[in-house]
Amino acid sequence: MKTSDFDFDLPQGFIAQTPARPRESARLLVLGDHIENKHVSDLPGFLRPGDLLVVNDTKVLPTRLSGVKGQARIEVTLIKRLGDLDWQAFARPAKKLTPGDLIDFAPDLKATVVRKDDGGEITLSFQGPAESFGARLDRVGRMPLPPYIKRASGDSGQEDRESYQTLFADREGAVAAPTAGLHFTPSLYDALKSKGINFIQVTLHVGAGTFLPVKTDDPRDHKMHSEWGEVSPEAAQAVNQTRQKGGRVVAVGTTSLRILESATAEDGTVFPFQGETDIFILPGYRFRSVDLLMTNFHLPRSTLFMLVSAFAGLERVKAAYAHAIREGYRFFSYGDASLIFPKTTS
């Protein structure tokens, strides 16, 4: 297995810069026995009463900050919470920072550089009471859009604050959106519920590592980033009961799939889970908890494209992506979606 096996060419114009309006009008590539071109609004037609949609309820924090250190302007993106006021972050230009420096983002939002690592990564400790940190960050910060989404001003605005958040967003902690969930609207939710399709929420606080390409020649040598997640007792019970009754478990997004698989025993039983997971799914992995996967189109050489290839088969996924490019599907976070049946069944 080589990382180059998971490469493909994508013209720049296929990268979506804004979401579909309304959200459920996005296209949906259905990959079963054959490929079908549908829309997300058609999703209820592919599911059955008793099926369970597992959604990620993480909420994206506005973690992109502009500040100053003395006379130098510093751009910071918080990437992982380490404590109530401590964060791992990327900084530009990091060369102007040393441990002990104070970065001033706003009169009531300042942070000290505690540590500086290679590659522009730093550890920050924010001042002020921990209980008000979220409100201060919300007022000053901007949404951490992925680097392939460009804005004329260079910054996300109020529209992205709404667009880059899912219908299910509830638990703050992500620095990237669980993008498959972006397609859901109240009307689509109601249509699915009225058909007897159930929902349950899990949490995986998506980290910035989700966008990083695999740089090792052999993907098995890649060091996977860790993310905090939780499968509640209620969620574990809902998944187990669904499968016992013959229903199918549908992961809405690779994040929902990853946290579920992190909480699943070899026999397929899902248990409550809370903590860090660095599960890295490659072809050859045996899925234990999920029957279908709804997901967006992912970056070449990414861990997420590898996961989808493990679920559906690499050649099958490459054929689907080639079809999507020919048909003009929109890719990545604000792009279109796919509904994938596993490689062994349809």
C-alpha atoms as a PDB file:
ATOM      1  CA  MET A   1       0.000   0.000   0.000  1.00  0.00           C
ATOM      2  CA  LYS A   2       1.350   3.420  -0.997  1.00  0.00           C
ATOM      3  CA  THR A   3       0.113   6.919  -0.265  1.00  0.00           C
ATOM      4  CA  SER A   4       0.274   7.619  -4.003  1.00  0.00           C
ATOM      5  CA  ASP A   5      -2.501   5.020  -4.453  1.00  0.00           C
ATOM      6  CA  PHE A   6      -4.866   7.582  -2.919  1.00  0.00           C
ATOM      7  CA  ASP A   7      -3.959  10.470  -5.184  1.00  0.00           C
ATOM      8  CA  PHE A   8      -6.152  12.010  -7.886  1.00  0.00           C
ATOM      9  CA  ASP A   9      -6.238  15.207  -9.899  1.00  0.00           C
ATOM     10  CA  LEU A  10      -8.885  17.782  -9.060  1.00  0.00           C
ATOM     11  CA  PRO A  11      -9.121  21.039 -11.037  1.00  0.00           C
ATOM     12  CA  GLN A  12      -9.230  24.089  -8.756  1.00  0.00           C
ATOM     13  CA  GLY A  13     -12.635  25.116 -10.084  1.00  0.00           C
ATOM     14  CA  PHE A  14     -14.305  22.083  -8.515  1.00  0.00           C
ATOM     15  CA  ILE A  15     -13.574  23.255  -4.956  1.00  0.00           C
ATOM     16  CA  ALA A  16     -16.785  24.755  -3.543  1.00  0.00           C
ATOM     17  CA  GLN A  17     -16.378  28.244  -2.083  1.00  0.00           C
ATOM     18  CA  THR A  18     -19.936  28.593  -0.765  1.00  0.00           C
ATOM     19  CA  PRO A  19     -22.576  26.060   0.272  1.00  0.00           C
ATOM     20  CA  ALA A  20     -25.618  25.128  -1.787  1.00  0.00           C
ATOM     21  CA  ARG A  21     -28.771  27.138  -1.052  1.00  0.00           C
ATOM     22  CA  PRO A  22     -30.909  25.681   0.350  1.00  0.00           C
ATOM     23  CA  ARG A  23     -28.527  23.227   1.941  1.00  0.00           C
ATOM     24  CA  GLU A  24     -30.450  20.091   0.971  1.00  0.00           C
ATOM     25  CA  SER A  25     -30.323  21.135  -2.696  1.00  0.00           C
ATOM     26  CA  ALA A  26     -26.698  19.967  -2.805  1.00  0.00           C
ATOM     27  CA  ARG A  27     -26.108  17.035  -5.101  1.00  0.00           C
ATOM     28  CA  LEU A  28     -25.874  13.515  -3.720  1.00  0.00           C
ATOM     29  CA  LEU A  29     -23.856  10.815  -5.459  1.00  0.00           C
ATOM     30  CA  VAL A  30     -25.266   7.447  -4.415  1.00  0.00           C
ATOM     31  CA  LEU A  31     -22.686   4.675  -4.667  1.00  0.00           C
ATOM     32  CA  GLY A  32     -24.364   1.281  -4.519  1.00  0.00           C
ATOM     33  CA  ASP A  33     -24.445  -1.433  -7.174  1.00  0.00           C
ATOM     34  CA  HIS A  34     -24.137   1.472  -9.598  1.00  0.00           C
ATOM     35  CA  ILE A  35     -23.795   5.245  -9.390  1.00  0.00           C
ATOM     36  CA  GLU A  36     -26.875   7.449  -9.173  1.00  0.00           C
ATOM     37  CA  ASN A  37     -26.966  11.256  -9.401  1.00  0.00           C
ATOM     38  CA  LYS A  38     -29.435  12.616  -6.859  1.00  0.00           C
ATOM     39  CA  HIS A  39     -29.801  15.485  -4.396  1.00  0.00           C
ATOM     40  CA  VAL A  40     -29.515  15.485  -0.619  1.00  0.00           C
ATOM     41  CA  SER A  41     -33.265  16.121  -0.465  1.00  0.00           C
ATOM     42  CA  ASP A  42     -33.671  12.621  -1.986  1.00  0.00           C
ATOM     43  CA  LEU A  43     -32.000  11.001   1.034  1.00  0.00           C
ATOM     44  CA  PRO A  44     -35.255   9.713   2.634  1.00  0.00           C
ATOM     45  CA  GLY A  45     -35.847   7.573  -0.461  1.00  0.00           C
ATOM     46  CA  PHE A  46     -32.674   5.572   0.190  1.00  0.00           C
ATOM     47  CA  LEU A  47     -33.372   4.873   3.853  1.00  0.00           C
ATOM     48  CA  ARG A  48     -35.878   2.617   5.598  1.00  0.00           C
ATOM     49  CA  PRO A  49     -38.039   2.993   8.707  1.00  0.00           C
ATOM     50  CA  GLY A  50     -35.956   1.884  11.657  1.00  0.00           C
ATOM     51  CA  ASP A  51     -32.653   3.090  10.195  1.00  0.00           C
ATOM     52  CA  LEU A  52     -30.546   5.277  12.488  1.00  0.00           C
ATOM     53  CA  LEU A  53     -28.654   8.388  11.381  1.00  0.00           C
ATOM     54  CA  VAL A  54     -25.680   9.108  13.655  1.00  0.00           C
ATOM     55  CA  VAL A  55     -24.733  12.803  13.575  1.00  0.00           C
ATOM     56  CA  ASN A  56     -21.865  14.716  15.152  1.00  0.00           C
ATOM     57  CA  ASP A  57     -23.075  17.485  17.475  1.00  0.00           C
ATOM     58  CA  THR A  58     -19.736  19.283  17.783  1.00  0.00           C
ATOM     59  CA  LYS A  59     -19.837  23.059  17.407  1.00  0.00           C
ATOM     60  CA  VAL A  60     -17.120  24.999  15.584  1.00  0.00           C
ATOM     61  CA  LEU A  61     -15.432  27.703  17.623  1.00  0.00           C
ATOM     62  CA  PRO A  62     -14.307  30.981  15.977  1.00  0.00           C
ATOM     63  CA  THR A  63     -10.652  30.162  16.586  1.00  0.00           C
ATOM     64  CA  ARG A  64      -8.913  32.404  14.053  1.00  0.00           C
ATOM     65  CA  LEU A  65      -7.443  35.457  15.778  1.00  0.00           C
ATOM     66  CA  SER A  66      -5.495  38.563  14.751  1.00  0.00           C
ATOM     67  CA  GLY A  67      -3.246  40.154  17.344  1.00  0.00           C
ATOM     68  CA  VAL A  68      -0.080  42.107  17.950  1.00  0.00           C
ATOM     69  CA  LYS A  69       3.155  41.457  19.794  1.00  0.00           C
ATOM     70  CA  GLY A  70       4.749  44.815  20.216  1.00  0.00           C
ATOM     71  CA  GLN A  71       4.649  46.277  16.690  1.00  0.00           C
ATOM     72  CA  ALA A  72       4.381  42.912  14.921  1.00  0.00           C
ATOM     73  CA  ARG A  73       1.059  41.609  13.671  1.00  0.00           C
ATOM     74  CA  ILE A  74       0.448  37.946  14.518  1.00  0.00           C
ATOM     75  CA  GLU A  75      -2.183  35.647  13.004  1.00  0.00           C
ATOM     76  CA  VAL A  76      -3.163  32.716  15.194  1.00  0.00           C
ATOM     77  CA  THR A  77      -5.429  29.724  14.620  1.00  0.00           C
ATOM     78  CA  LEU A  78      -6.276  27.735  17.729  1.00  0.00           C
ATOM     79  CA  ILE A  79      -6.243  24.042  16.874  1.00  0.00           C
ATOM     80  CA  LYS A  80      -6.716  22.107  20.108  1.00  0.00           C
ATOM     81  CA  ARG A  81      -7.849  22.936  23.619  1.00  0.00           C
ATOM     82  CA  LEU A  82      -5.372  21.707  26.232  1.00  0.00           C
ATOM     83  CA  GLY A  83      -7.101  23.136  29.299  1.00  0.00           C
ATOM     84  CA  ASP A  84      -9.574  25.805  30.353  1.00  0.00           C
ATOM     85  CA  LEU A  85      -7.338  28.605  29.047  1.00  0.00           C
ATOM     86  CA  ASP A  86      -4.542  26.717  27.282  1.00  0.00           C
ATOM     87  CA  TRP A  87      -4.527  26.005  23.542  1.00  0.00           C
ATOM     88  CA  GLN A  88      -2.291  24.466  20.933  1.00  0.00           C
ATOM     89  CA  ALA A  89      -2.171  26.821  17.942  1.00  0.00           C
ATOM     90  CA  PHE A  90      -0.589  27.693  14.620  1.00  0.00           C
ATOM     91  CA  ALA A  91       0.966  31.154  14.394  1.00  0.00           C
ATOM     92  CA  ARG A  92       2.153  33.324  11.505  1.00  0.00           C
ATOM     93  CA  PRO A  93       4.857  34.545  11.473  1.00  0.00           C
ATOM     94  CA  ALA A  94       5.966  32.150  14.198  1.00  0.00           C
ATOM     95  CA  LYS A  95       9.584  33.294  13.811  1.00  0.00           C
ATOM     96  CA  LYS A  96       8.680  36.517  15.617  1.00  0.00           C
ATOM     97  CA  LEU A  97       7.535  34.655  18.728  1.00  0.00           C
ATOM     98  CA  THR A  98       9.459  33.236  21.673  1.00  0.00           C
ATOM     99  CA  PRO A  99       8.197  31.684  24.937  1.00  0.00           C
ATOM    100  CA  GLY A 100       7.135  34.413  27.332  1.00  0.00           C
ATOM    101  CA  ASP A 101       5.830  36.769  24.644  1.00  0.00           C
ATOM    102  CA  LEU A 102       2.420  38.356  25.167  1.00  0.00           C
ATOM    103  CA  ILE A 103       0.018  38.522  22.193  1.00  0.00           C
ATOM    104  CA  ASP A 104      -2.735  41.120  22.431  1.00  0.00           C
ATOM    105  CA  PHE A 105      -5.875  40.132  20.506  1.00  0.00           C
ATOM    106  CA  ALA A 106      -8.311  42.514  22.253  1.00  0.00           C
ATOM    107  CA  PRO A 107      -8.397  44.543  25.485  1.00  0.00           C
ATOM    108  CA  ASP A 108      -9.849  41.529  27.301  1.00  0.00           C
ATOM    109  CA  LEU A 109      -8.247  38.746  25.221  1.00  0.00           C
ATOM    110  CA  LYS A 110      -4.497  38.329  25.667  1.00  0.00           C
ATOM    111  CA  ALA A 111      -2.320  35.226  25.684  1.00  0.00           C
ATOM    112  CA  THR A 112       1.217  34.278  26.662  1.00  0.00           C
ATOM    113  CA  VAL A 113       3.352  32.037  24.464  1.00  0.00           C
ATOM    114  CA  VAL A 114       4.186  29.098  26.715  1.00  0.00           C
ATOM    115  CA  ARG A 115       5.948  26.921  24.172  1.00  0.00           C
ATOM    116  CA  LYS A 116       7.135  27.052  20.580  1.00  0.00           C
ATOM    117  CA  ASP A 117       7.587  23.961  18.406  1.00  0.00           C
ATOM    118  CA  ASP A 118       8.755  23.393  14.853  1.00  0.00           C
ATOM    119  CA  GLY A 119       6.451  24.183  11.944  1.00  0.00           C
ATOM    120  CA  GLY A 120       4.840  27.305  13.406  1.00  0.00           C
ATOM    121  CA  GLU A 121       3.073  25.483  16.231  1.00  0.00           C
ATOM    122  CA  ILE A 122       2.848  27.166  19.634  1.00  0.00           C
ATOM    123  CA  THR A 123       1.132  26.689  22.987  1.00  0.00           C
ATOM    124  CA  LEU A 124      -0.816  29.667  24.332  1.00  0.00           C
ATOM    125  CA  SER A 125      -2.151  30.403  27.793  1.00  0.00           C
ATOM    126  CA  PHE A 126      -4.937  32.996  27.807  1.00  0.00           C
ATOM    127  CA  GLN A 127      -5.487  35.516  30.579  1.00  0.00           C
ATOM    128  CA  GLY A 128      -8.727  36.250  32.360  1.00  0.00           C
ATOM    129  CA  PRO A 129     -11.424  34.109  33.957  1.00  0.00           C
ATOM    130  CA  ALA A 130     -11.998  30.732  32.313  1.00  0.00           C
ATOM    131  CA  GLU A 131     -15.776  31.037  32.597  1.00  0.00           C
ATOM    132  CA  SER A 132     -15.849  34.047  30.254  1.00  0.00           C
ATOM    133  CA  PHE A 133     -13.282  32.778  27.745  1.00  0.00           C
ATOM    134  CA  GLY A 134     -15.871  31.323  25.346  1.00  0.00           C
ATOM    135  CA  ALA A 135     -17.808  34.595  25.164  1.00  0.00           C
ATOM    136  CA  ARG A 136     -14.626  36.608  24.635  1.00  0.00           C
ATOM    137  CA  LEU A 137     -13.420  34.267  21.903  1.00  0.00           C
ATOM    138  CA  ASP A 138     -16.831  34.362  20.219  1.00  0.00           C
ATOM    139  CA  ARG A 139     -16.734  38.145  20.065  1.00  0.00           C
ATOM    140  CA  VAL A 140     -13.176  38.490  18.751  1.00  0.00           C
ATOM    141  CA  GLY A 141     -12.516  35.327  16.746  1.00  0.00           C
ATOM    142  CA  ARG A 142     -13.347  34.397  13.158  1.00  0.00           C
ATOM    143  CA  MET A 143     -14.411  31.054  11.748  1.00  0.00           C
ATOM    144  CA  PRO A 144     -11.435  28.798  10.896  1.00  0.00           C
ATOM    145  CA  LEU A 145     -12.344  28.041   7.301  1.00  0.00           C
ATOM    146  CA  PRO A 146     -10.080  25.487   5.612  1.00  0.00           C
ATOM    147  CA  PRO A 147      -7.305  26.947   3.464  1.00  0.00           C
ATOM    148  CA  TYR A 148      -8.945  25.964   0.168  1.00  0.00           C
ATOM    149  CA  ILE A 149     -11.944  28.259   0.842  1.00  0.00           C
ATOM    150  CA  LYS A 150     -10.884  31.740  -0.233  1.00  0.00           C
ATOM    151  CA  ARG A 151     -12.407  35.043   0.829  1.00  0.00           C
ATOM    152  CA  ALA A 152     -11.687  38.364  -0.876  1.00  0.00           C
ATOM    153  CA  SER A 153     -11.010  39.988   2.476  1.00  0.00           C
ATOM    154  CA  GLY A 154      -8.997  37.015   3.639  1.00  0.00           C
ATOM    155  CA  ASP A 155     -11.416  36.560   6.537  1.00  0.00           C
ATOM    156  CA  SER A 156     -14.677  34.756   7.106  1.00  0.00           C
ATOM    157  CA  GLY A 157     -17.680  36.906   7.985  1.00  0.00           C
ATOM    158  CA  GLN A 158     -21.107  36.522   9.543  1.00  0.00           C
ATOM    159  CA  GLU A 159     -22.381  34.420   6.645  1.00  0.00           C
ATOM    160  CA  ASP A 160     -19.673  31.819   7.239  1.00  0.00           C
ATOM    161  CA  ARG A 161     -20.437  31.851  10.956  1.00  0.00           C
ATOM    162  CA  GLU A 162     -23.844  30.470  10.033  1.00  0.00           C
ATOM    163  CA  SER A 163     -22.907  28.387   6.981  1.00  0.00           C
ATOM    164  CA  TYR A 164     -19.969  26.603   8.623  1.00  0.00           C
ATOM    165  CA  GLN A 165     -22.105  25.223  11.443  1.00  0.00           C
ATOM    166  CA  THR A 166     -24.400  22.202  11.272  1.00  0.00           C
ATOM    167  CA  LEU A 167     -28.037  21.928  12.293  1.00  0.00           C
ATOM    168  CA  PHE A 168     -26.902  19.680  15.156  1.00  0.00           C
ATOM    169  CA  ALA A 169     -24.092  21.901  16.515  1.00  0.00           C
ATOM    170  CA  ASP A 170     -24.359  21.960  20.289  1.00  0.00           C
ATOM    171  CA  ARG A 171     -21.102  21.110  22.074  1.00  0.00           C
ATOM    172  CA  GLU A 172     -18.322  23.644  21.533  1.00  0.00           C
ATOM    173  CA  GLY A 173     -14.881  22.340  20.756  1.00  0.00           C
ATOM    174  CA  ALA A 174     -14.265  21.823  17.019  1.00  0.00           C
ATOM    175  CA  VAL A 175     -11.918  23.850  14.850  1.00  0.00           C
ATOM    176  CA  ALA A 176     -13.390  22.384  11.654  1.00  0.00           C
ATOM    177  CA  ALA A 177     -16.958  21.482  10.745  1.00  0.00           C
ATOM    178  CA  PRO A 178     -18.222  17.901  10.387  1.00  0.00           C
ATOM    179  CA  THR A 179     -19.152  18.768   6.832  1.00  0.00           C
ATOM    180  CA  ALA A 180     -21.629  16.010   5.944  1.00  0.00           C
ATOM    181  CA  GLY A 181     -23.912  17.485   8.590  1.00  0.00           C
ATOM    182  CA  LEU A 182     -23.909  20.855   6.829  1.00  0.00           C
ATOM    183  CA  HIS A 183     -26.477  19.542   4.322  1.00  0.00           C
ATOM    184  CA  PHE A 184     -29.249  19.015   6.876  1.00  0.00           C
ATOM    185  CA  THR A 185     -32.105  21.478   7.341  1.00  0.00           C
ATOM    186  CA  PRO A 186     -35.164  21.384   9.582  1.00  0.00           C
ATOM    187  CA  SER A 187     -37.319  20.347   6.606  1.00  0.00           C
ATOM    188  CA  LEU A 188     -35.031  17.435   5.689  1.00  0.00           C
ATOM    189  CA  TYR A 189     -34.860  16.407   9.332  1.00  0.00           C
ATOM    190  CA  ASP A 190     -38.662  16.400   9.531  1.00  0.00           C
ATOM    191  CA  ALA A 191     -38.966  14.399   6.290  1.00  0.00           C
ATOM    192  CA  LEU A 192     -36.635  11.739   7.630  1.00  0.00           C
ATOM    193  CA  LYS A 193     -38.342  11.580  11.027  1.00  0.00           C
ATOM    194  CA  SER A 194     -41.785  11.311   9.412  1.00  0.00           C
ATOM    195  CA  LYS A 195     -40.567   8.228   7.534  1.00  0.00           C
ATOM    196  CA  GLY A 196     -39.599   6.525  10.794  1.00  0.00           C
ATOM    197  CA  ILE A 197     -35.876   7.177  10.504  1.00  0.00           C
ATOM    198  CA  ASN A 198     -34.194   7.920  13.812  1.00  0.00           C
ATOM    199  CA  PHE A 199     -31.373  10.232  14.857  1.00  0.00           C
ATOM    200  CA  ILE A 200     -28.779   9.998  17.611  1.00  0.00           C
ATOM    201  CA  GLN A 201     -25.948  12.402  18.393  1.00  0.00           C
ATOM    202  CA  VAL A 202     -22.317  11.616  19.144  1.00  0.00           C
ATOM    203  CA  THR A 203     -19.436  14.049  19.589  1.00  0.00           C
ATOM    204  CA  LEU A 204     -16.054  14.297  17.930  1.00  0.00           C
ATOM    205  CA  HIS A 205     -14.344  17.671  18.211  1.00  0.00           C
ATOM    206  CA  VAL A 206     -12.827  17.902  14.749  1.00  0.00           C
ATOM    207  CA  GLY A 207      -9.214  19.094  14.743  1.00  0.00           C
ATOM    208  CA  ALA A 208      -7.118  20.905  12.164  1.00  0.00           C
ATOM    209  CA  GLY A 209      -5.323  17.653  11.386  1.00  0.00           C
ATOM    210  CA  THR A 210      -8.341  16.583   9.359  1.00  0.00           C
ATOM    211  CA  PHE A 211      -7.046  18.722   6.454  1.00  0.00           C
ATOM    212  CA  LEU A 212      -3.450  17.510   6.534  1.00  0.00           C
ATOM    213  CA  PRO A 213      -2.276  15.304   3.674  1.00  0.00           C
ATOM    214  CA  VAL A 214      -0.383  12.120   4.410  1.00  0.00           C
ATOM    215  CA  LYS A 215       3.280  12.834   3.617  1.00  0.00           C
ATOM    216  CA  THR A 216       4.822   9.426   4.275  1.00  0.00           C
ATOM    217  CA  ASP A 217       5.297   7.098   1.303  1.00  0.00           C
ATOM    218  CA  ASP A 218       3.519   4.330   3.200  1.00  0.00           C
ATOM    219  CA  PRO A 219       0.296   5.573   4.863  1.00  0.00           C
ATOM    220  CA  ARG A 220       0.819   3.063   7.666  1.00  0.00           C
ATOM    221  CA  ASP A 221       3.775   5.192   8.786  1.00  0.00           C
ATOM    222  CA  HIS A 222       1.585   8.302   9.163  1.00  0.00           C
ATOM    223  CA  LYS A 223       1.102   9.603  12.708  1.00  0.00           C
ATOM    224  CA  MET A 224      -2.612  10.250  13.125  1.00  0.00           C
ATOM    225  CA  HIS A 225      -3.729  13.311  15.088  1.00  0.00           C
ATOM    226  CA  SER A 226      -5.948  12.693  18.107  1.00  0.00           C
ATOM    227  CA  GLU A 227      -9.354  14.261  18.773  1.00  0.00           C
ATOM    228  CA  TRP A 228     -11.657  14.246  21.789  1.00  0.00           C
ATOM    229  CA  GLY A 229     -14.961  12.457  21.418  1.00  0.00           C
ATOM    230  CA  GLU A 230     -17.857  10.892  23.256  1.00  0.00           C
ATOM    231  CA  VAL A 231     -20.416   8.184  22.643  1.00  0.00           C
ATOM    232  CA  SER A 232     -23.001   8.508  25.398  1.00  0.00           C
ATOM    233  CA  PRO A 233     -24.730   5.491  26.969  1.00  0.00           C
ATOM    234  CA  GLU A 234     -27.910   6.571  25.139  1.00  0.00           C
ATOM    235  CA  ALA A 235     -26.115   6.682  21.792  1.00  0.00           C
ATOM    236  CA  ALA A 236     -24.473   3.293  22.323  1.00  0.00           C
ATOM    237  CA  GLN A 237     -27.838   1.775  23.256  1.00  0.00           C
ATOM    238  CA  ALA A 238     -29.543   3.322  20.197  1.00  0.00           C
ATOM    239  CA  VAL A 239     -26.942   1.854  17.831  1.00  0.00           C
ATOM    240  CA  ASN A 240     -27.057  -1.581  19.442  1.00  0.00           C
ATOM    241  CA  GLN A 241     -30.867  -1.693  19.464  1.00  0.00           C
ATOM    242  CA  THR A 242     -31.070  -0.544  15.838  1.00  0.00           C
ATOM    243  CA  ARG A 243     -28.866  -3.394  14.676  1.00  0.00           C
ATOM    244  CA  GLN A 244     -30.650  -5.936  16.881  1.00  0.00           C
ATOM    245  CA  LYS A 245     -33.943  -4.952  15.232  1.00  0.00           C
ATOM    246  CA  GLY A 246     -32.545  -5.198  11.709  1.00  0.00           C
ATOM    247  CA  GLY A 247     -32.162  -1.481  11.096  1.00  0.00           C
ATOM    248  CA  ARG A 248     -29.113   0.070   9.492  1.00  0.00           C
ATOM    249  CA  VAL A 249     -26.697   2.473  11.141  1.00  0.00           C
ATOM    250  CA  VAL A 250     -25.853   5.406   8.865  1.00  0.00           C
ATOM    251  CA  ALA A 251     -22.844   7.506   9.837  1.00  0.00           C
ATOM    252  CA  VAL A 252     -23.342  11.133   8.818  1.00  0.00           C
ATOM    253  CA  GLY A 253     -19.734  11.996   8.139  1.00  0.00           C
ATOM    254  CA  THR A 254     -16.385  10.370   8.693  1.00  0.00           C
ATOM    255  CA  THR A 255     -16.208  11.952  12.155  1.00  0.00           C
ATOM    256  CA  SER A 256     -19.332  10.112  13.319  1.00  0.00           C
ATOM    257  CA  LEU A 257     -17.942   6.912  11.838  1.00  0.00           C
ATOM    258  CA  ARG A 258     -14.552   7.313  13.518  1.00  0.00           C
ATOM    259  CA  ILE A 259     -15.935   7.923  17.006  1.00  0.00           C
ATOM    260  CA  LEU A 260     -18.393   5.031  16.646  1.00  0.00           C
ATOM    261  CA  GLU A 261     -15.658   2.636  15.552  1.00  0.00           C
ATOM    262  CA  SER A 262     -13.542   3.850  18.483  1.00  0.00           C
ATOM    263  CA  ALA A 263     -16.326   2.729  20.818  1.00  0.00           C
ATOM    264  CA  THR A 264     -17.078  -0.645  19.216  1.00  0.00           C
ATOM    265  CA  ALA A 265     -15.897  -4.083  20.334  1.00  0.00           C
ATOM    266  CA  GLU A 266     -14.817  -6.846  17.965  1.00  0.00           C
ATOM    267  CA  ASP A 267     -18.282  -8.421  18.098  1.00  0.00           C
ATOM    268  CA  GLY A 268     -19.930  -5.176  16.949  1.00  0.00           C
ATOM    269  CA  THR A 269     -21.253  -4.082  20.339  1.00  0.00           C
ATOM    270  CA  VAL A 270     -20.989  -0.336  20.895  1.00  0.00           C
ATOM    271  CA  PHE A 271     -20.043   0.805  24.392  1.00  0.00           C
ATOM    272  CA  PRO A 272     -20.085   4.261  25.985  1.00  0.00           C
ATOM    273  CA  PHE A 273     -16.818   6.085  25.298  1.00  0.00           C
ATOM    274  CA  GLN A 274     -15.259   9.367  26.331  1.00  0.00           C
ATOM    275  CA  GLY A 275     -11.732  10.500  25.612  1.00  0.00           C
ATOM    276  CA  GLU A 276      -9.124  10.944  22.904  1.00  0.00           C
ATOM    277  CA  THR A 277      -9.109   8.816  19.768  1.00  0.00           C
ATOM    278  CA  ASP A 278      -6.511   8.625  17.009  1.00  0.00           C
ATOM    279  CA  ILE A 279      -8.154   5.817  15.059  1.00  0.00           C
ATOM    280  CA  PHE A 280      -6.747   5.655  11.518  1.00  0.00           C
ATOM    281  CA  ILE A 281      -8.789   3.568   9.082  1.00  0.00           C
ATOM    282  CA  LEU A 282      -7.108   2.147   5.991  1.00  0.00           C
ATOM    283  CA  PRO A 283      -8.176  -0.464   3.417  1.00  0.00           C
ATOM    284  CA  GLY A 284      -8.279  -3.850   5.081  1.00  0.00           C
ATOM    285  CA  TYR A 285     -10.077  -2.505   8.157  1.00  0.00           C
ATOM    286  CA  ARG A 286     -13.180  -4.438   9.220  1.00  0.00           C
ATOM    287  CA  PHE A 287     -16.028  -2.065  10.026  1.00  0.00           C
ATOM    288  CA  ARG A 288     -18.041  -3.152  13.036  1.00  0.00           C
ATOM    289  CA  SER A 289     -20.680  -0.501  13.772  1.00  0.00           C
ATOM    290  CA  VAL A 290     -21.702   1.257  10.545  1.00  0.00           C
ATOM    291  CA  ASP A 291     -23.744   0.046   7.559  1.00  0.00           C
ATOM    292  CA  LEU A 292     -23.852   3.158   5.348  1.00  0.00           C
ATOM    293  CA  LEU A 293     -21.788   6.325   5.146  1.00  0.00           C
ATOM    294  CA  MET A 294     -22.895   9.801   4.089  1.00  0.00           C
ATOM    295  CA  THR A 295     -19.913  12.024   3.437  1.00  0.00           C
ATOM    296  CA  ASN A 296     -18.573  14.869   1.317  1.00  0.00           C
ATOM    297  CA  PHE A 297     -15.813  14.505  -1.282  1.00  0.00           C
ATOM    298  CA  HIS A 298     -12.379  14.528   0.316  1.00  0.00           C
ATOM    299  CA  LEU A 299      -8.885  15.756  -0.470  1.00  0.00           C
ATOM    300  CA  PRO A 300      -6.458  13.499  -2.333  1.00  0.00           C
ATOM    301  CA  ARG A 301      -3.911  11.688  -0.146  1.00  0.00           C
ATOM    302  CA  SER A 302      -5.946  12.545   2.968  1.00  0.00           C
ATOM    303  CA  THR A 303      -6.760  10.188   5.827  1.00  0.00           C
ATOM    304  CA  LEU A 304     -10.453  10.731   5.066  1.00  0.00           C
ATOM    305  CA  PHE A 305     -10.131   9.642   1.427  1.00  0.00           C
ATOM    306  CA  MET A 306      -8.328   6.567   2.755  1.00  0.00           C
ATOM    307  CA  LEU A 307     -11.178   5.895   5.184  1.00  0.00           C
ATOM    308  CA  VAL A 308     -13.787   6.121   2.422  1.00  0.00           C
ATOM    309  CA  SER A 309     -11.663   3.792   0.292  1.00  0.00           C
ATOM    310  CA  ALA A 310     -11.565   1.310   3.149  1.00  0.00           C
ATOM    311  CA  PHE A 311     -15.348   1.451   3.440  1.00  0.00           C
ATOM    312  CA  ALA A 312     -16.225   1.174  -0.247  1.00  0.00           C
ATOM    313  CA  GLY A 313     -13.102  -0.180  -1.962  1.00  0.00           C
ATOM    314  CA  LEU A 314     -10.371   1.961  -3.489  1.00  0.00           C
ATOM    315  CA  GLU A 315     -11.128   1.288  -7.154  1.00  0.00           C
ATOM    316  CA  ARG A 316     -14.837   1.777  -6.589  1.00  0.00           C
ATOM    317  CA  VAL A 317     -14.229   5.115  -4.862  1.00  0.00           C
ATOM    318  CA  LYS A 318     -11.812   6.287  -7.535  1.00  0.00           C
ATOM    319  CA  ALA A 319     -14.421   5.485 -10.183  1.00  0.00           C
ATOM    320  CA  ALA A 320     -17.034   7.430  -8.201  1.00  0.00           C
ATOM    321  CA  TYR A 321     -14.727  10.438  -7.859  1.00  0.00           C
ATOM    322  CA  ALA A 322     -13.920  10.358 -11.577  1.00  0.00           C
ATOM    323  CA  HIS A 323     -17.669  10.284 -12.272  1.00  0.00           C
ATOM    324  CA  ALA A 324     -18.207  13.209  -9.881  1.00  0.00           C
ATOM    325  CA  ILE A 325     -15.579  15.279 -11.696  1.00  0.00           C
ATOM    326  CA  ARG A 326     -17.078  14.480 -15.103  1.00  0.00           C
ATOM    327  CA  GLU A 327     -20.537  15.443 -13.810  1.00  0.00           C
ATOM    328  CA  GLY A 328     -19.382  18.696 -12.223  1.00  0.00           C
ATOM    329  CA  TYR A 329     -19.911  17.856  -8.543  1.00  0.00           C
ATOM    330  CA  ARG A 330     -18.586  20.375  -6.035  1.00  0.00           C
ATOM    331  CA  PHE A 331     -15.834  19.157  -3.700  1.00  0.00           C
ATOM    332  CA  PHE A 332     -14.702  19.501  -0.085  1.00  0.00           C
ATOM    333  CA  SER A 333     -16.274  21.275   2.917  1.00  0.00           C
ATOM    334  CA  TYR A 334     -18.941  23.386   1.204  1.00  0.00           C
ATOM    335  CA  GLY A 335     -19.373  20.892  -1.622  1.00  0.00           C
ATOM    336  CA  ASP A 336     -21.771  18.098  -2.526  1.00  0.00           C
ATOM    337  CA  ALA A 337     -22.294  14.804  -0.720  1.00  0.00           C
ATOM    338  CA  SER A 338     -22.237  11.087  -1.343  1.00  0.00           C
ATOM    339  CA  LEU A 339     -24.179   8.197   0.165  1.00  0.00           C
ATOM    340  CA  ILE A 340     -21.972   5.129   0.147  1.00  0.00           C
ATOM    341  CA  PHE A 341     -23.005   1.516   0.503  1.00  0.00           C
ATOM    342  CA  PRO A 342     -20.110  -0.713   1.600  1.00  0.00           C
ATOM    343  CA  LYS A 343     -18.145  -2.722  -0.930  1.00  0.00           C
ATOM    344  CA  THR A 344     -19.596  -6.062   0.194  1.00  0.00           C
ATOM    345  CA  THR A 345     -23.305  -5.151   0.013  1.00  0.00           C
ATOM    346  CA  SER A 346     -25.574  -2.719  -1.803  1.00  0.00           C
END
